[in-house]
């Protein structure tokens, strides 16, 4: 049931998620419970994201350090900062 509440919690609001569960599954749901479940697992995902971001940055810095100064690197990014030899750039 938790995975259903998490999926439904992606709706516009938790009240709408509650109504959708009740209409489609004919199960009583509580919007505050959906909110608590989404907050709990969202927090766990944010913690993992921080660990992942740090590991990715470290790997990028190590890779750049191994490139010769004259090496040309072609890259595309979308809304993130990349570590360069001059520091972080958008």
C-alpha atoms as a PDB file:
ATOM      1  CA  UNK A   1       0.000   0.000   0.000  1.00  0.00           C
ATOM      2  CA  UNK A   2       2.927   2.357   0.648  1.00  0.00           C
ATOM      3  CA  UNK A   3       4.075   2.191  -2.973  1.00  0.00           C
ATOM      4  CA  UNK A   4       0.540   3.090  -4.082  1.00  0.00           C
ATOM      5  CA  UNK A   5       0.499   6.052  -1.693  1.00  0.00           C
ATOM      6  CA  UNK A   6       3.907   7.181  -2.959  1.00  0.00           C
ATOM      7  CA  UNK A   7       2.806   6.970  -6.567  1.00  0.00           C
ATOM      8  CA  UNK A   8      -0.465   8.771  -5.870  1.00  0.00           C
ATOM      9  CA  UNK A   9       1.427  11.416  -3.864  1.00  0.00           C
ATOM     10  CA  UNK A  10       2.925  12.699  -7.111  1.00  0.00           C
ATOM     11  CA  UNK A  11      -0.463  14.218  -7.999  1.00  0.00           C
ATOM     12  CA  UNK A  12      -1.271  17.912  -7.660  1.00  0.00           C
ATOM     13  CA  UNK A  13      -1.901  17.593  -3.956  1.00  0.00           C
ATOM     14  CA  UNK A  14      -2.289  14.932  -1.303  1.00  0.00           C
ATOM     15  CA  UNK A  15      -6.047  15.481  -1.110  1.00  0.00           C
ATOM     16  CA  UNK A  16      -6.358  14.621  -4.788  1.00  0.00           C
ATOM     17  CA  UNK A  17      -4.134  11.590  -4.266  1.00  0.00           C
ATOM     18  CA  UNK A  18      -6.457  10.425  -1.497  1.00  0.00           C
ATOM     19  CA  UNK A  19      -9.504  10.802  -3.771  1.00  0.00           C
ATOM     20  CA  UNK A  20      -7.792   8.940  -6.624  1.00  0.00           C
ATOM     21  CA  UNK A  21      -6.937   5.982  -4.411  1.00  0.00           C
ATOM     22  CA  UNK A  22     -10.499   5.859  -3.103  1.00  0.00           C
ATOM     23  CA  UNK A  23     -12.065   6.149  -6.582  1.00  0.00           C
ATOM     24  CA  UNK A  24      -9.817   3.770  -8.498  1.00  0.00           C
ATOM     25  CA  UNK A  25      -8.973   1.190  -5.830  1.00  0.00           C
ATOM     26  CA  UNK A  26     -12.003   1.585  -3.559  1.00  0.00           C
ATOM     27  CA  UNK A  27      -9.700   1.724  -0.562  1.00  0.00           C
ATOM     28  CA  UNK A  28      -9.982   4.367   2.125  1.00  0.00           C
ATOM     29  CA  UNK A  29      -6.930   6.597   2.136  1.00  0.00           C
ATOM     30  CA  UNK A  30      -5.768   9.515   4.264  1.00  0.00           C
ATOM     31  CA  UNK A  31      -4.081  12.547   2.730  1.00  0.00           C
ATOM     32  CA  UNK A  32      -1.954  13.177   5.838  1.00  0.00           C
ATOM     33  CA  UNK A  33      -0.650   9.592   5.735  1.00  0.00           C
ATOM     34  CA  UNK A  34       0.204   9.995   2.041  1.00  0.00           C
ATOM     35  CA  UNK A  35       2.025  13.222   2.931  1.00  0.00           C
ATOM     36  CA  UNK A  36       4.048  11.535   5.708  1.00  0.00           C
ATOM     37  CA  UNK A  37       5.026   8.614   3.469  1.00  0.00           C
ATOM     38  CA  UNK A  38       6.101  10.931   0.646  1.00  0.00           C
ATOM     39  CA  UNK A  39       8.104  13.141   3.028  1.00  0.00           C
ATOM     40  CA  UNK A  40       9.842  10.109   4.573  1.00  0.00           C
ATOM     41  CA  UNK A  41      10.916   8.512   1.306  1.00  0.00           C
ATOM     42  CA  UNK A  42      11.647  11.884  -0.301  1.00  0.00           C
ATOM     43  CA  UNK A  43      14.085  12.607   2.527  1.00  0.00           C
ATOM     44  CA  UNK A  44      15.809   9.262   1.992  1.00  0.00           C
ATOM     45  CA  UNK A  45      16.171  10.007  -1.714  1.00  0.00           C
ATOM     46  CA  UNK A  46      17.657  13.436  -0.982  1.00  0.00           C
ATOM     47  CA  UNK A  47      20.275  11.844   1.277  1.00  0.00           C
ATOM     48  CA  UNK A  48      21.239   9.398  -1.474  1.00  0.00           C
ATOM     49  CA  UNK A  49      21.339  12.227  -4.003  1.00  0.00           C
ATOM     50  CA  UNK A  50      23.915  14.137  -1.935  1.00  0.00           C
ATOM     51  CA  UNK A  51      26.139  11.051  -1.780  1.00  0.00           C
ATOM     52  CA  UNK A  52      25.742  10.484  -5.519  1.00  0.00           C
ATOM     53  CA  UNK A  53      26.476  14.127  -6.400  1.00  0.00           C
ATOM     54  CA  UNK A  54      29.662  14.121  -4.327  1.00  0.00           C
ATOM     55  CA  UNK A  55      30.878  10.882  -5.894  1.00  0.00           C
ATOM     56  CA  UNK A  56      30.139  12.147  -9.410  1.00  0.00           C
ATOM     57  CA  UNK A  57      31.994  15.403  -8.771  1.00  0.00           C
ATOM     58  CA  UNK A  58      35.018  13.559  -7.376  1.00  0.00           C
ATOM     59  CA  UNK A  59      35.101  11.253 -10.396  1.00  0.00           C
ATOM     60  CA  UNK A  60      34.887  14.222 -12.798  1.00  0.00           C
ATOM     61  CA  UNK A  61      37.709  16.062 -11.026  1.00  0.00           C
ATOM     62  CA  UNK A  62      39.905  12.954 -11.096  1.00  0.00           C
ATOM     63  CA  UNK A  63      39.211  12.453 -14.812  1.00  0.00           C
ATOM     64  CA  UNK A  64      40.025  16.088 -15.613  1.00  0.00           C
ATOM     65  CA  UNK A  65      43.276  15.904 -13.676  1.00  0.00           C
ATOM     66  CA  UNK A  66      44.399  13.022 -15.895  1.00  0.00           C
ATOM     67  CA  UNK A  67      43.819  14.984 -19.141  1.00  0.00           C
ATOM     68  CA  UNK A  68      46.644  16.919 -20.758  1.00  0.00           C
ATOM     69  CA  UNK A  69      46.238  20.712 -20.700  1.00  0.00           C
ATOM     70  CA  UNK A  70      45.830  20.817 -24.491  1.00  0.00           C
ATOM     71  CA  UNK A  71      43.056  18.194 -24.487  1.00  0.00           C
ATOM     72  CA  UNK A  72      39.781  19.419 -25.986  1.00  0.00           C
ATOM     73  CA  UNK A  73      36.674  18.118 -24.259  1.00  0.00           C
ATOM     74  CA  UNK A  74      33.229  18.499 -25.820  1.00  0.00           C
ATOM     75  CA  UNK A  75      30.362  18.332 -23.361  1.00  0.00           C
ATOM     76  CA  UNK A  76      26.770  19.407 -22.986  1.00  0.00           C
ATOM     77  CA  UNK A  77      24.982  20.004 -19.710  1.00  0.00           C
ATOM     78  CA  UNK A  78      21.541  21.110 -18.680  1.00  0.00           C
ATOM     79  CA  UNK A  79      21.137  23.267 -15.606  1.00  0.00           C
ATOM     80  CA  UNK A  80      24.098  22.051 -13.611  1.00  0.00           C
ATOM     81  CA  UNK A  81      27.545  23.165 -12.562  1.00  0.00           C
ATOM     82  CA  UNK A  82      30.619  21.428 -13.849  1.00  0.00           C
ATOM     83  CA  UNK A  83      33.991  21.432 -12.162  1.00  0.00           C
ATOM     84  CA  UNK A  84      36.630  22.897 -14.503  1.00  0.00           C
ATOM     85  CA  UNK A  85      40.264  23.719 -13.958  1.00  0.00           C
ATOM     86  CA  UNK A  86      39.152  27.322 -13.297  1.00  0.00           C
ATOM     87  CA  UNK A  87      36.499  26.243 -10.737  1.00  0.00           C
ATOM     88  CA  UNK A  88      32.780  25.542 -11.005  1.00  0.00           C
ATOM     89  CA  UNK A  89      31.004  26.855 -14.102  1.00  0.00           C
ATOM     90  CA  UNK A  90      27.356  26.856 -15.132  1.00  0.00           C
END
